[in-house]
Amino acid sequence: MLQYTVCKSPTFPEIEAFIKSGLPAKYPNLELKAVEDLDPMIILLDKHGVVEHKEDVKNWTTEDINTYINTHLEKINISEATV
């Protein structure tokens, strides 16, 4: 889950760029969650929804976020998704 604050998104342009880039659609198990008054964070959950790890991403670039998510989440194959 990528947790972010809508009202703070101008403060975190890299987070906003990642969300608007279309990259999140490549990860069917990535949930984007807008919350109030919190810095952006990636939260890894197990299959039961229990928090396994939290990562503060407020200083990350769009590429950092994509690399981390690519490493930790399953990605759908673009050719399979369009079939």
N, C-alpha and C. Protein backbone atom coordinates (compact mmCIF):
# COMPACT_ATOMS: atom_id res chain seq x y z
N MET A 1 0.85 -1.17 0.00
CA MET A 1 0.00 0.00 0.00
C MET A 1 0.90 1.23 0.00
N LEU A 2 0.58 2.17 -0.87
CA LEU A 2 1.25 3.47 -0.86
C LEU A 2 0.28 4.44 -0.23
N GLN A 3 0.62 4.91 0.93
CA GLN A 3 -0.24 5.84 1.68
C GLN A 3 0.29 7.25 1.47
N TYR A 4 -0.60 8.17 1.10
CA TYR A 4 -0.18 9.54 0.83
C TYR A 4 -1.27 10.50 1.26
N THR A 5 -0.93 11.76 1.38
CA THR A 5 -1.89 12.79 1.75
C THR A 5 -2.16 13.67 0.55
N VAL A 6 -3.42 13.78 0.18
CA VAL A 6 -3.79 14.58 -0.98
C VAL A 6 -3.41 16.03 -0.79
N CYS A 7 -3.71 16.60 0.37
CA CYS A 7 -3.45 18.02 0.58
C CYS A 7 -1.96 18.33 0.59
N LYS A 8 -1.11 17.33 0.86
CA LYS A 8 0.32 17.55 0.89
C LYS A 8 1.00 17.15 -0.42
N SER A 9 0.24 16.66 -1.40
CA SER A 9 0.90 16.15 -2.60
C SER A 9 1.74 17.19 -3.32
N PRO A 10 1.37 18.49 -3.33
CA PRO A 10 2.30 19.47 -3.93
C PRO A 10 3.64 19.55 -3.19
N THR A 11 3.63 19.19 -1.91
CA THR A 11 4.85 19.17 -1.13
C THR A 11 5.72 17.97 -1.51
N PHE A 12 5.09 16.95 -2.07
CA PHE A 12 5.79 15.72 -2.46
C PHE A 12 5.56 15.45 -3.94
N PRO A 13 6.19 16.25 -4.82
CA PRO A 13 5.94 16.11 -6.26
C PRO A 13 6.34 14.75 -6.82
N GLU A 14 7.32 14.09 -6.24
CA GLU A 14 7.75 12.78 -6.73
C GLU A 14 6.67 11.73 -6.46
N ILE A 15 6.01 11.83 -5.32
CA ILE A 15 4.92 10.91 -4.98
C ILE A 15 3.76 11.15 -5.95
N GLU A 16 3.42 12.41 -6.14
CA GLU A 16 2.34 12.76 -7.05
C GLU A 16 2.65 12.28 -8.48
N ALA A 17 3.89 12.44 -8.90
CA ALA A 17 4.29 12.00 -10.24
C ALA A 17 4.15 10.49 -10.38
N PHE A 18 4.54 9.74 -9.35
CA PHE A 18 4.40 8.29 -9.40
C PHE A 18 2.93 7.90 -9.52
N ILE A 19 2.09 8.51 -8.71
CA ILE A 19 0.66 8.17 -8.70
C ILE A 19 0.03 8.46 -10.06
N LYS A 20 0.39 9.58 -10.67
CA LYS A 20 -0.20 9.98 -11.95
C LYS A 20 0.46 9.33 -13.16
N SER A 21 1.56 8.63 -12.96
CA SER A 21 2.35 8.09 -14.06
C SER A 21 1.72 6.89 -14.76
N GLY A 22 0.81 6.22 -14.13
CA GLY A 22 0.28 4.98 -14.69
C GLY A 22 1.02 3.76 -14.17
N LEU A 23 2.16 3.96 -13.52
CA LEU A 23 2.92 2.82 -12.98
C LEU A 23 2.13 2.01 -11.95
N PRO A 24 1.36 2.65 -11.07
CA PRO A 24 0.60 1.85 -10.09
C PRO A 24 -0.32 0.81 -10.73
N ALA A 25 -0.81 1.05 -11.93
CA ALA A 25 -1.70 0.10 -12.61
C ALA A 25 -0.99 -1.21 -12.96
N LYS A 26 0.32 -1.20 -12.99
CA LYS A 26 1.08 -2.41 -13.30
C LYS A 26 1.14 -3.38 -12.12
N TYR A 27 0.71 -2.93 -10.98
CA TYR A 27 0.77 -3.74 -9.76
C TYR A 27 -0.64 -3.95 -9.22
N PRO A 28 -1.27 -5.07 -9.54
CA PRO A 28 -2.64 -5.29 -9.12
C PRO A 28 -2.81 -5.36 -7.60
N ASN A 29 -1.74 -5.65 -6.89
CA ASN A 29 -1.83 -5.74 -5.44
C ASN A 29 -1.31 -4.48 -4.75
N LEU A 30 -1.18 -3.37 -5.50
CA LEU A 30 -0.79 -2.09 -4.91
C LEU A 30 -2.04 -1.26 -4.66
N GLU A 31 -2.23 -0.88 -3.44
CA GLU A 31 -3.36 -0.03 -3.08
C GLU A 31 -2.84 1.38 -2.81
N LEU A 32 -3.47 2.36 -3.42
CA LEU A 32 -3.16 3.76 -3.14
C LEU A 32 -4.19 4.25 -2.14
N LYS A 33 -3.72 4.81 -1.05
CA LYS A 33 -4.64 5.24 0.00
C LYS A 33 -4.34 6.68 0.39
N ALA A 34 -5.32 7.55 0.17
CA ALA A 34 -5.19 8.95 0.57
C ALA A 34 -5.63 9.09 2.01
N VAL A 35 -4.77 9.65 2.84
CA VAL A 35 -5.08 9.88 4.25
C VAL A 35 -4.72 11.32 4.58
N GLU A 36 -5.27 11.83 5.65
CA GLU A 36 -5.02 13.22 6.01
C GLU A 36 -3.84 13.36 6.97
N ASP A 37 -3.03 14.39 6.74
CA ASP A 37 -1.98 14.83 7.65
C ASP A 37 -0.92 13.78 7.97
N LEU A 38 -0.57 12.94 7.00
CA LEU A 38 0.51 11.99 7.18
C LEU A 38 1.49 12.12 6.02
N ASP A 39 2.76 11.93 6.30
CA ASP A 39 3.75 11.91 5.24
C ASP A 39 3.60 10.62 4.44
N PRO A 40 4.03 10.62 3.17
CA PRO A 40 3.89 9.42 2.34
C PRO A 40 4.69 8.24 2.89
N MET A 41 4.08 7.07 2.77
CA MET A 41 4.68 5.87 3.32
C MET A 41 4.25 4.67 2.50
N ILE A 42 5.16 3.73 2.32
CA ILE A 42 4.81 2.44 1.74
C ILE A 42 4.65 1.47 2.90
N ILE A 43 3.53 0.78 2.91
CA ILE A 43 3.24 -0.19 3.96
C ILE A 43 3.09 -1.55 3.29
N LEU A 44 3.93 -2.50 3.67
CA LEU A 44 3.84 -3.85 3.14
C LEU A 44 3.00 -4.69 4.09
N LEU A 45 1.99 -5.35 3.51
CA LEU A 45 1.08 -6.19 4.29
C LEU A 45 1.27 -7.64 3.87
N ASP A 46 1.04 -8.56 4.81
CA ASP A 46 1.07 -9.97 4.44
C ASP A 46 -0.28 -10.35 3.83
N LYS A 47 -0.47 -11.61 3.49
CA LYS A 47 -1.69 -12.03 2.81
C LYS A 47 -2.93 -11.92 3.70
N HIS A 48 -2.72 -11.73 5.00
CA HIS A 48 -3.84 -11.57 5.94
C HIS A 48 -4.11 -10.09 6.25
N GLY A 49 -3.35 -9.20 5.63
CA GLY A 49 -3.53 -7.78 5.86
C GLY A 49 -2.81 -7.23 7.07
N VAL A 50 -1.90 -8.02 7.62
CA VAL A 50 -1.12 -7.59 8.78
C VAL A 50 0.12 -6.85 8.30
N VAL A 51 0.42 -5.72 8.92
CA VAL A 51 1.58 -4.92 8.53
C VAL A 51 2.87 -5.69 8.78
N GLU A 52 3.67 -5.83 7.73
CA GLU A 52 4.98 -6.48 7.84
C GLU A 52 6.11 -5.46 7.92
N HIS A 53 5.93 -4.33 7.19
CA HIS A 53 7.01 -3.34 7.13
C HIS A 53 6.44 -2.00 6.70
N LYS A 54 6.98 -0.92 7.26
CA LYS A 54 6.62 0.44 6.86
C LYS A 54 7.88 1.16 6.40
N GLU A 55 7.75 1.89 5.30
CA GLU A 55 8.89 2.61 4.74
C GLU A 55 8.49 4.05 4.47
N ASP A 56 9.19 4.99 5.10
CA ASP A 56 8.96 6.42 4.88
C ASP A 56 9.52 6.77 3.51
N VAL A 57 8.69 7.33 2.62
CA VAL A 57 9.14 7.61 1.26
C VAL A 57 9.08 9.10 0.90
N LYS A 58 8.98 9.95 1.90
CA LYS A 58 8.80 11.39 1.62
C LYS A 58 9.98 12.01 0.88
N ASN A 59 11.16 11.45 0.99
CA ASN A 59 12.33 11.99 0.29
C ASN A 59 12.76 11.16 -0.91
N TRP A 60 11.91 10.23 -1.32
CA TRP A 60 12.25 9.34 -2.43
C TRP A 60 11.88 9.97 -3.77
N THR A 61 12.61 9.58 -4.79
CA THR A 61 12.26 9.98 -6.15
C THR A 61 11.21 9.00 -6.70
N THR A 62 10.62 9.38 -7.81
CA THR A 62 9.67 8.49 -8.47
C THR A 62 10.33 7.17 -8.81
N GLU A 63 11.56 7.23 -9.27
CA GLU A 63 12.30 6.00 -9.62
C GLU A 63 12.56 5.14 -8.38
N ASP A 64 12.89 5.77 -7.25
CA ASP A 64 13.10 5.02 -6.01
C ASP A 64 11.83 4.24 -5.63
N ILE A 65 10.70 4.93 -5.73
CA ILE A 65 9.42 4.29 -5.38
C ILE A 65 9.15 3.12 -6.33
N ASN A 66 9.32 3.36 -7.62
CA ASN A 66 9.06 2.30 -8.60
C ASN A 66 9.98 1.11 -8.36
N THR A 67 11.26 1.36 -8.11
CA THR A 67 12.22 0.28 -7.87
C THR A 67 11.83 -0.53 -6.64
N TYR A 68 11.48 0.15 -5.56
CA TYR A 68 11.10 -0.53 -4.32
C TYR A 68 9.85 -1.39 -4.54
N ILE A 69 8.85 -0.81 -5.16
CA ILE A 69 7.60 -1.54 -5.39
C ILE A 69 7.85 -2.70 -6.35
N ASN A 70 8.66 -2.48 -7.37
CA ASN A 70 8.99 -3.54 -8.32
C ASN A 70 9.69 -4.71 -7.62
N THR A 71 10.48 -4.40 -6.62
CA THR A 71 11.21 -5.43 -5.88
C THR A 71 10.30 -6.21 -4.93
N HIS A 72 9.29 -5.54 -4.37
CA HIS A 72 8.48 -6.15 -3.32
C HIS A 72 7.09 -6.60 -3.72
N LEU A 73 6.59 -6.17 -4.87
CA LEU A 73 5.24 -6.55 -5.29
C LEU A 73 5.28 -7.28 -6.62
N GLU A 74 4.23 -8.07 -6.86
CA GLU A 74 4.10 -8.74 -8.15
C GLU A 74 3.64 -7.74 -9.19
N LYS A 75 4.20 -7.86 -10.37
CA LYS A 75 3.88 -6.95 -11.46
C LYS A 75 3.18 -7.75 -12.56
N ILE A 76 2.14 -7.18 -13.16
CA ILE A 76 1.48 -7.88 -14.27
C ILE A 76 2.25 -7.60 -15.54
N ASN A 77 2.24 -8.56 -16.41
CA ASN A 77 2.90 -8.42 -17.71
C ASN A 77 1.97 -7.57 -18.58
N ILE A 78 2.50 -6.50 -19.15
CA ILE A 78 1.70 -5.57 -19.95
C ILE A 78 1.01 -6.30 -21.11
N SER A 79 1.69 -7.21 -21.79
CA SER A 79 1.07 -7.92 -22.91
C SER A 79 -0.08 -8.81 -22.45
N GLU A 80 0.03 -9.37 -21.25
CA GLU A 80 -1.06 -10.18 -20.70
C GLU A 80 -2.25 -9.32 -20.32
N ALA A 81 -1.97 -8.13 -19.83
CA ALA A 81 -3.04 -7.24 -19.35
C ALA A 81 -3.87 -6.70 -20.49
N THR A 82 -3.31 -6.61 -21.67
CA THR A 82 -4.05 -6.03 -22.79
C THR A 82 -4.73 -7.10 -23.64
N VAL A 83 -4.52 -8.37 -23.35
CA VAL A 83 -5.12 -9.45 -24.13
C VAL A 83 -6.57 -9.63 -23.77
